[in-house]
PDB file of N, CA and C in Angstrom:
ATOM      1  N   UNK A   1       0.814  -1.199  -0.020  1.00  0.00           N
ATOM      2  CA  UNK A   1      -0.015   0.029   0.011  1.00  0.00           C
ATOM      3  C   UNK A   1       0.871   1.263  -0.025  1.00  0.00           C
ATOM      4  N   UNK A   2       2.144   1.133  -0.143  1.00  0.00           N
ATOM      5  CA  UNK A   2       3.005   2.322  -0.214  1.00  0.00           C
ATOM      6  C   UNK A   2       3.298   2.645  -1.697  1.00  0.00           C
ATOM      7  N   UNK A   3       3.468   3.927  -1.966  1.00  0.00           N
ATOM      8  CA  UNK A   3       3.665   4.314  -3.389  1.00  0.00           C
ATOM      9  C   UNK A   3       5.045   3.971  -3.911  1.00  0.00           C
ATOM     10  N   UNK A   4       6.057   3.818  -3.042  1.00  0.00           N
ATOM     11  CA  UNK A   4       7.381   3.456  -3.484  1.00  0.00           C
ATOM     12  C   UNK A   4       8.145   2.785  -2.370  1.00  0.00           C
ATOM     13  N   UNK A   5       9.082   1.986  -2.716  1.00  0.00           N
ATOM     14  CA  UNK A   5       9.912   1.231  -1.753  1.00  0.00           C
ATOM     15  C   UNK A   5      11.359   1.696  -1.900  1.00  0.00           C
ATOM     16  N   UNK A   6      11.953   2.123  -0.794  1.00  0.00           N
ATOM     17  CA  UNK A   6      13.358   2.610  -0.844  1.00  0.00           C
ATOM     18  C   UNK A   6      14.305   1.450  -0.744  1.00  0.00           C
ATOM     19  N   UNK A   7      15.368   1.521  -1.539  1.00  0.00           N
ATOM     20  CA  UNK A   7      16.420   0.524  -1.449  1.00  0.00           C
ATOM     21  C   UNK A   7      17.779   1.252  -1.340  1.00  0.00           C
ATOM     22  N   UNK A   8      18.617   0.794  -0.414  1.00  0.00           N
ATOM     23  CA  UNK A   8      19.919   1.442  -0.133  1.00  0.00           C
ATOM     24  C   UNK A   8      20.975   0.362  -0.203  1.00  0.00           C
ATOM     25  N   UNK A   9      22.079   0.668  -0.892  1.00  0.00           N
ATOM     26  CA  UNK A   9      23.187  -0.258  -0.922  1.00  0.00           C
ATOM     27  C   UNK A   9      24.491   0.489  -1.273  1.00  0.00           C
ATOM     28  N   UNK A  10      25.596  -0.191  -1.103  1.00  0.00           N
ATOM     29  CA  UNK A  10      26.916   0.384  -1.444  1.00  0.00           C
ATOM     30  C   UNK A  10      27.591  -0.505  -2.459  1.00  0.00           C
ATOM     31  N   UNK A  11      28.354   0.144  -3.309  1.00  0.00           N
ATOM     32  CA  UNK A  11      29.211  -0.605  -4.254  1.00  0.00           C
ATOM     33  C   UNK A  11      30.668  -0.344  -3.867  1.00  0.00           C
ATOM     34  N   UNK A  12      31.378  -1.389  -3.583  1.00  0.00           N
ATOM     35  CA  UNK A  12      32.762  -1.280  -3.195  1.00  0.00           C
ATOM     36  C   UNK A  12      33.646  -1.380  -4.434  1.00  0.00           C
ATOM     37  N   UNK A  13      34.398  -0.347  -4.709  1.00  0.00           N
ATOM     38  CA  UNK A  13      35.241  -0.274  -5.910  1.00  0.00           C
ATOM     39  C   UNK A  13      36.727  -0.393  -5.465  1.00  0.00           C
ATOM     40  N   UNK A  14      37.546  -0.889  -6.347  1.00  0.00           N
ATOM     41  CA  UNK A  14      38.960  -1.054  -6.056  1.00  0.00           C
ATOM     42  C   UNK A  14      39.658   0.278  -5.894  1.00  0.00           C
ATOM     43  N   UNK A  15      40.590   0.345  -4.948  1.00  0.00           N
ATOM     44  CA  UNK A  15      41.392   1.549  -4.729  1.00  0.00           C
ATOM     45  C   UNK A  15      42.242   1.911  -5.976  1.00  0.00           C
ATOM     46  N   UNK A  16      42.479   0.958  -6.839  1.00  0.00           N
ATOM     47  CA  UNK A  16      43.306   1.185  -7.992  1.00  0.00           C
ATOM     48  C   UNK A  16      42.612   2.050  -9.069  1.00  0.00           C
ATOM     49  N   UNK A  17      41.304   2.268  -8.953  1.00  0.00           N
ATOM     50  CA  UNK A  17      40.595   3.088  -9.914  1.00  0.00           C
ATOM     51  C   UNK A  17      41.050   4.525  -9.801  1.00  0.00           C
ATOM     52  N   UNK A  18      41.116   5.178 -10.930  1.00  0.00           N
ATOM     53  CA  UNK A  18      41.448   6.603 -10.943  1.00  0.00           C
ATOM     54  C   UNK A  18      40.188   7.397 -10.637  1.00  0.00           C
ATOM     55  N   UNK A  19      40.362   8.700 -10.377  1.00  0.00           N
ATOM     56  CA  UNK A  19      39.215   9.562 -10.134  1.00  0.00           C
ATOM     57  C   UNK A  19      38.294   9.578 -11.371  1.00  0.00           C
ATOM     58  N   UNK A  20      38.888   9.576 -12.577  1.00  0.00           N
ATOM     59  CA  UNK A  20      38.106   9.528 -13.783  1.00  0.00           C
ATOM     60  C   UNK A  20      37.276   8.264 -13.861  1.00  0.00           C
ATOM     61  N   UNK A  21      37.869   7.140 -13.580  1.00  0.00           N
ATOM     62  CA  UNK A  21      37.144   5.847 -13.576  1.00  0.00           C
ATOM     63  C   UNK A  21      36.011   5.845 -12.552  1.00  0.00           C
ATOM     64  N   UNK A  22      36.284   6.377 -11.374  1.00  0.00           N
ATOM     65  CA  UNK A  22      35.228   6.457 -10.380  1.00  0.00           C
ATOM     66  C   UNK A  22      34.051   7.313 -10.863  1.00  0.00           C
ATOM     67  N   UNK A  23      34.397   8.442 -11.479  1.00  0.00           N
ATOM     68  CA  UNK A  23      33.374   9.280 -12.049  1.00  0.00           C
ATOM     69  C   UNK A  23      32.497   8.563 -13.077  1.00  0.00           C
ATOM     70  N   UNK A  24      33.193   7.804 -13.919  1.00  0.00           N
ATOM     71  CA  UNK A  24      32.493   7.016 -14.931  1.00  0.00           C
ATOM     72  C   UNK A  24      31.591   5.962 -14.275  1.00  0.00           C
ATOM     73  N   UNK A  25      32.138   5.304 -13.256  1.00  0.00           N
ATOM     74  CA  UNK A  25      31.329   4.266 -12.549  1.00  0.00           C
ATOM     75  C   UNK A  25      30.083   4.874 -11.963  1.00  0.00           C
ATOM     76  N   UNK A  26      30.196   6.000 -11.298  1.00  0.00           N
ATOM     77  CA  UNK A  26      29.044   6.692 -10.728  1.00  0.00           C
ATOM     78  C   UNK A  26      28.026   7.014 -11.849  1.00  0.00           C
ATOM     79  N   UNK A  27      28.536   7.536 -12.950  1.00  0.00           N
ATOM     80  CA  UNK A  27      27.672   7.904 -14.076  1.00  0.00           C
ATOM     81  C   UNK A  27      26.952   6.695 -14.654  1.00  0.00           C
ATOM     82  N   UNK A  28      27.648   5.576 -14.773  1.00  0.00           N
ATOM     83  CA  UNK A  28      27.057   4.380 -15.321  1.00  0.00           C
ATOM     84  C   UNK A  28      25.912   3.903 -14.417  1.00  0.00           C
ATOM     85  N   UNK A  29      26.136   3.884 -13.111  1.00  0.00           N
ATOM     86  CA  UNK A  29      25.093   3.439 -12.182  1.00  0.00           C
ATOM     87  C   UNK A  29      23.892   4.417 -12.246  1.00  0.00           C
ATOM     88  N   UNK A  30      24.145   5.701 -12.280  1.00  0.00           N
ATOM     89  CA  UNK A  30      23.078   6.673 -12.385  1.00  0.00           C
ATOM     90  C   UNK A  30      22.250   6.429 -13.670  1.00  0.00           C
ATOM     91  N   UNK A  31      22.938   6.176 -14.767  1.00  0.00           N
ATOM     92  CA  UNK A  31      22.249   5.913 -16.025  1.00  0.00           C
ATOM     93  C   UNK A  31      21.384   4.662 -15.985  1.00  0.00           C
ATOM     94  N   UNK A  32      21.920   3.624 -15.400  1.00  0.00           N
ATOM     95  CA  UNK A  32      21.159   2.337 -15.274  1.00  0.00           C
ATOM     96  C   UNK A  32      19.869   2.573 -14.481  1.00  0.00           C
ATOM     97  N   UNK A  33      20.011   3.260 -13.353  1.00  0.00           N
ATOM     98  CA  UNK A  33      18.839   3.478 -12.512  1.00  0.00           C
ATOM     99  C   UNK A  33      17.843   4.406 -13.176  1.00  0.00           C
ATOM    100  N   UNK A  34      18.339   5.430 -13.882  1.00  0.00           N
ATOM    101  CA  UNK A  34      17.425   6.360 -14.559  1.00  0.00           C
ATOM    102  C   UNK A  34      16.657   5.687 -15.672  1.00  0.00           C
ATOM    103  N   UNK A  35      17.276   4.741 -16.354  1.00  0.00           N
ATOM    104  CA  UNK A  35      16.659   4.053 -17.472  1.00  0.00           C
ATOM    105  C   UNK A  35      15.645   2.975 -17.119  1.00  0.00           C
ATOM    106  N   UNK A  36      15.747   2.468 -15.908  1.00  0.00           N
ATOM    107  CA  UNK A  36      14.846   1.373 -15.504  1.00  0.00           C
ATOM    108  C   UNK A  36      13.462   1.880 -15.244  1.00  0.00           C
ATOM    109  N   UNK A  37      12.441   1.223 -15.783  1.00  0.00           N
ATOM    110  CA  UNK A  37      11.068   1.715 -15.610  1.00  0.00           C
ATOM    111  C   UNK A  37      10.500   1.594 -14.188  1.00  0.00           C
ATOM    112  N   UNK A  38      11.129   0.812 -13.348  1.00  0.00           N
ATOM    113  CA  UNK A  38      10.624   0.650 -11.981  1.00  0.00           C
ATOM    114  C   UNK A  38      11.308   1.524 -10.978  1.00  0.00           C
ATOM    115  N   UNK A  39      12.236   2.373 -11.358  1.00  0.00           N
ATOM    116  CA  UNK A  39      12.944   3.202 -10.388  1.00  0.00           C
ATOM    117  C   UNK A  39      12.576   4.660 -10.546  1.00  0.00           C
ATOM    118  N   UNK A  40      12.740   5.373  -9.439  1.00  0.00           N
ATOM    119  CA  UNK A  40      12.529   6.851  -9.440  1.00  0.00           C
ATOM    120  C   UNK A  40      13.450   7.456  -8.399  1.00  0.00           C
ATOM    121  N   UNK A  41      13.787   8.702  -8.639  1.00  0.00           N
ATOM    122  CA  UNK A  41      14.559   9.506  -7.668  1.00  0.00           C
ATOM    123  C   UNK A  41      15.784   8.810  -7.109  1.00  0.00           C
ATOM    124  N   UNK A  42      16.693   8.405  -7.967  1.00  0.00           N
ATOM    125  CA  UNK A  42      17.899   7.715  -7.540  1.00  0.00           C
ATOM    126  C   UNK A  42      18.994   8.706  -7.116  1.00  0.00           C
ATOM    127  N   UNK A  43      19.701   8.379  -6.085  1.00  0.00           N
ATOM    128  CA  UNK A  43      20.832   9.130  -5.560  1.00  0.00           C
ATOM    129  C   UNK A  43      22.053   8.227  -5.665  1.00  0.00           C
ATOM    130  N   UNK A  44      23.077   8.638  -6.371  1.00  0.00           N
ATOM    131  CA  UNK A  44      24.280   7.823  -6.547  1.00  0.00           C
ATOM    132  C   UNK A  44      25.472   8.768  -6.365  1.00  0.00           C
ATOM    133  N   UNK A  45      26.284   8.508  -5.333  1.00  0.00           N
ATOM    134  CA  UNK A  45      27.426   9.385  -5.029  1.00  0.00           C
ATOM    135  C   UNK A  45      28.585   8.554  -4.538  1.00  0.00           C
ATOM    136  N   UNK A  46      29.798   8.997  -4.906  1.00  0.00           N
ATOM    137  CA  UNK A  46      31.009   8.431  -4.333  1.00  0.00           C
ATOM    138  C   UNK A  46      31.036   8.993  -2.928  1.00  0.00           C
ATOM    139  N   UNK A  47      30.859   8.120  -1.950  1.00  0.00           N
ATOM    140  CA  UNK A  47      30.639   8.547  -0.572  1.00  0.00           C
ATOM    141  C   UNK A  47      31.881   8.547   0.305  1.00  0.00           C
ATOM    142  N   UNK A  48      32.723   7.531   0.139  1.00  0.00           N
ATOM    143  CA  UNK A  48      33.800   7.462   1.112  1.00  0.00           C
ATOM    144  C   UNK A  48      35.005   6.618   0.621  1.00  0.00           C
ATOM    145  N   UNK A  49      36.116   6.907   1.261  1.00  0.00           N
ATOM    146  CA  UNK A  49      37.320   6.086   1.146  1.00  0.00           C
ATOM    147  C   UNK A  49      37.220   5.094   2.277  1.00  0.00           C
ATOM    148  N   UNK A  50      36.834   3.850   1.985  1.00  0.00           N
ATOM    149  CA  UNK A  50      36.715   2.838   2.992  1.00  0.00           C
ATOM    150  C   UNK A  50      38.032   2.229   3.355  1.00  0.00           C
ATOM    151  N   UNK A  51      38.012   1.325   4.307  1.00  0.00           N
ATOM    152  CA  UNK A  51      39.246   0.636   4.719  1.00  0.00           C
ATOM    153  C   UNK A  51      39.869  -0.158   3.582  1.00  0.00           C
ATOM    154  N   UNK A  52      39.060  -0.758   2.736  1.00  0.00           N
ATOM    155  CA  UNK A  52      39.589  -1.621   1.675  1.00  0.00           C
ATOM    156  C   UNK A  52      39.026  -1.295   0.286  1.00  0.00           C
ATOM    157  N   UNK A  53      38.164  -0.267   0.212  1.00  0.00           N
ATOM    158  CA  UNK A  53      37.548   0.058  -1.086  1.00  0.00           C
ATOM    159  C   UNK A  53      37.078   1.490  -1.122  1.00  0.00           C
ATOM    160  N   UNK A  54      36.837   1.947  -2.326  1.00  0.00           N
ATOM    161  CA  UNK A  54      36.192   3.233  -2.575  1.00  0.00           C
ATOM    162  C   UNK A  54      34.709   2.942  -2.697  1.00  0.00           C
ATOM    163  N   UNK A  55      33.882   3.564  -1.862  1.00  0.00           N
ATOM    164  CA  UNK A  55      32.503   3.163  -1.746  1.00  0.00           C
ATOM    165  C   UNK A  55      31.526   4.129  -2.414  1.00  0.00           C
ATOM    166  N   UNK A  56      30.732   3.596  -3.333  1.00  0.00           N
ATOM    167  CA  UNK A  56      29.691   4.371  -3.952  1.00  0.00           C
ATOM    168  C   UNK A  56      28.392   4.072  -3.181  1.00  0.00           C
ATOM    169  N   UNK A  57      27.710   5.143  -2.758  1.00  0.00           N
ATOM    170  CA  UNK A  57      26.475   5.024  -2.009  1.00  0.00           C
ATOM    171  C   UNK A  57      25.310   5.165  -2.976  1.00  0.00           C
ATOM    172  N   UNK A  58      24.375   4.228  -2.940  1.00  0.00           N
ATOM    173  CA  UNK A  58      23.228   4.237  -3.857  1.00  0.00           C
ATOM    174  C   UNK A  58      21.932   4.157  -3.032  1.00  0.00           C
ATOM    175  N   UNK A  59      21.023   5.081  -3.355  1.00  0.00           N
ATOM    176  CA  UNK A  59      19.647   5.083  -2.772  1.00  0.00           C
ATOM    177  C   UNK A  59      18.691   5.307  -3.949  1.00  0.00           C
ATOM    178  N   UNK A  60      17.693   4.482  -4.052  1.00  0.00           N
ATOM    179  CA  UNK A  60      16.661   4.739  -5.042  1.00  0.00           C
ATOM    180  C   UNK A  60      15.301   4.251  -4.541  1.00  0.00           C
ATOM    181  N   UNK A  61      14.246   4.711  -5.166  1.00  0.00           N
ATOM    182  CA  UNK A  61      12.908   4.286  -4.824  1.00  0.00           C
ATOM    183  C   UNK A  61      12.343   3.513  -5.973  1.00  0.00           C
ATOM    184  N   UNK A  62      11.744   2.361  -5.645  1.00  0.00           N
ATOM    185  CA  UNK A  62      11.178   1.484  -6.620  1.00  0.00           C
ATOM    186  C   UNK A  62       9.679   1.683  -6.676  1.00  0.00           C
ATOM    187  N   UNK A  63       9.149   1.753  -7.903  1.00  0.00           N
ATOM    188  CA  UNK A  63       7.706   1.866  -8.097  1.00  0.00           C
ATOM    189  C   UNK A  63       7.000   0.547  -8.187  1.00  0.00           C
ATOM    190  N   UNK A  64       7.758  -0.551  -8.010  1.00  0.00           N
ATOM    191  CA  UNK A  64       7.155  -1.900  -8.095  1.00  0.00           C
ATOM    192  C   UNK A  64       6.100  -2.053  -6.982  1.00  0.00           C
ATOM    193  N   UNK A  65       4.890  -2.452  -7.376  1.00  0.00           N
ATOM    194  CA  UNK A  65       3.780  -2.513  -6.402  1.00  0.00           C
ATOM    195  C   UNK A  65       3.901  -3.581  -5.300  1.00  0.00           C
ATOM    196  N   UNK A  66       4.497  -4.694  -5.594  1.00  0.00           N
ATOM    197  CA  UNK A  66       4.585  -5.776  -4.604  1.00  0.00           C
ATOM    198  C   UNK A  66       6.011  -6.284  -4.443  1.00  0.00           C
ATOM    199  N   UNK A  67       6.188  -7.099  -3.431  1.00  0.00           N
ATOM    200  CA  UNK A  67       7.515  -7.610  -3.134  1.00  0.00           C
ATOM    201  C   UNK A  67       8.099  -8.425  -4.277  1.00  0.00           C
ATOM    202  N   UNK A  68       7.290  -9.258  -4.928  1.00  0.00           N
ATOM    203  CA  UNK A  68       7.784 -10.088  -6.006  1.00  0.00           C
ATOM    204  C   UNK A  68       8.273  -9.204  -7.169  1.00  0.00           C
ATOM    205  N   UNK A  69       7.496  -8.156  -7.503  1.00  0.00           N
ATOM    206  CA  UNK A  69       7.884  -7.262  -8.566  1.00  0.00           C
ATOM    207  C   UNK A  69       9.123  -6.434  -8.175  1.00  0.00           C
ATOM    208  N   UNK A  70       9.180  -6.055  -6.904  1.00  0.00           N
ATOM    209  CA  UNK A  70      10.387  -5.331  -6.431  1.00  0.00           C
ATOM    210  C   UNK A  70      11.626  -6.187  -6.553  1.00  0.00           C
ATOM    211  N   UNK A  71      11.539  -7.470  -6.144  1.00  0.00           N
ATOM    212  CA  UNK A  71      12.710  -8.355  -6.235  1.00  0.00           C
ATOM    213  C   UNK A  71      13.113  -8.609  -7.658  1.00  0.00           C
ATOM    214  N   UNK A  72      12.133  -8.720  -8.565  1.00  0.00           N
ATOM    215  CA  UNK A  72      12.425  -8.919  -9.979  1.00  0.00           C
ATOM    216  C   UNK A  72      13.183  -7.671 -10.532  1.00  0.00           C
ATOM    217  N   UNK A  73      12.668  -6.491 -10.194  1.00  0.00           N
ATOM    218  CA  UNK A  73      13.342  -5.241 -10.654  1.00  0.00           C
ATOM    219  C   UNK A  73      14.757  -5.155 -10.038  1.00  0.00           C
ATOM    220  N   UNK A  74      14.903  -5.486  -8.772  1.00  0.00           N
ATOM    221  CA  UNK A  74      16.165  -5.441  -8.072  1.00  0.00           C
ATOM    222  C   UNK A  74      17.175  -6.362  -8.773  1.00  0.00           C
ATOM    223  N   UNK A  75      16.715  -7.593  -9.110  1.00  0.00           N
ATOM    224  CA  UNK A  75      17.596  -8.514  -9.790  1.00  0.00           C
ATOM    225  C   UNK A  75      18.026  -7.972 -11.174  1.00  0.00           C
ATOM    226  N   UNK A  76      17.091  -7.422 -11.925  1.00  0.00           N
ATOM    227  CA  UNK A  76      17.418  -6.807 -13.217  1.00  0.00           C
ATOM    228  C   UNK A  76      18.462  -5.711 -13.054  1.00  0.00           C
ATOM    229  N   UNK A  77      18.287  -4.850 -12.067  1.00  0.00           N
ATOM    230  CA  UNK A  77      19.249  -3.751 -11.831  1.00  0.00           C
ATOM    231  C   UNK A  77      20.601  -4.325 -11.390  1.00  0.00           C
ATOM    232  N   UNK A  78      20.617  -5.283 -10.520  1.00  0.00           N
ATOM    233  CA  UNK A  78      21.885  -5.887 -10.085  1.00  0.00           C
ATOM    234  C   UNK A  78      22.630  -6.507 -11.248  1.00  0.00           C
ATOM    235  N   UNK A  79      21.922  -7.199 -12.123  1.00  0.00           N
ATOM    236  CA  UNK A  79      22.553  -7.830 -13.253  1.00  0.00           C
ATOM    237  C   UNK A  79      23.114  -6.770 -14.202  1.00  0.00           C
ATOM    238  N   UNK A  80      22.393  -5.707 -14.420  1.00  0.00           N
ATOM    239  CA  UNK A  80      22.855  -4.646 -15.280  1.00  0.00           C
ATOM    240  C   UNK A  80      24.087  -3.898 -14.698  1.00  0.00           C
ATOM    241  N   UNK A  81      24.036  -3.660 -13.403  1.00  0.00           N
ATOM    242  CA  UNK A  81      25.176  -2.989 -12.726  1.00  0.00           C
ATOM    243  C   UNK A  81      26.414  -3.900 -12.754  1.00  0.00           C
ATOM    244  N   UNK A  82      26.221  -5.196 -12.545  1.00  0.00           N
ATOM    245  CA  UNK A  82      27.317  -6.146 -12.513  1.00  0.00           C
ATOM    246  C   UNK A  82      27.992  -6.152 -13.871  1.00  0.00           C
TER     247      UNK A  82
END
């Protein structure tokens, strides 16, 4: 009965990536989320220098009406990001 479901996750990137590569990675994830019909209002930012990785923080809202549809959309997005 909610209009959207929020999903939050992090992507751990290798420290060997350059700033340009990190910028491209952030842009790719933003584009994937923007193009998917079940997502809205995505936030994707390089958030931190972690202990072992450069971490991209991702928050988006899914328009999928039920849990099964949400999980299907999540899987599609994960496969595309991978």
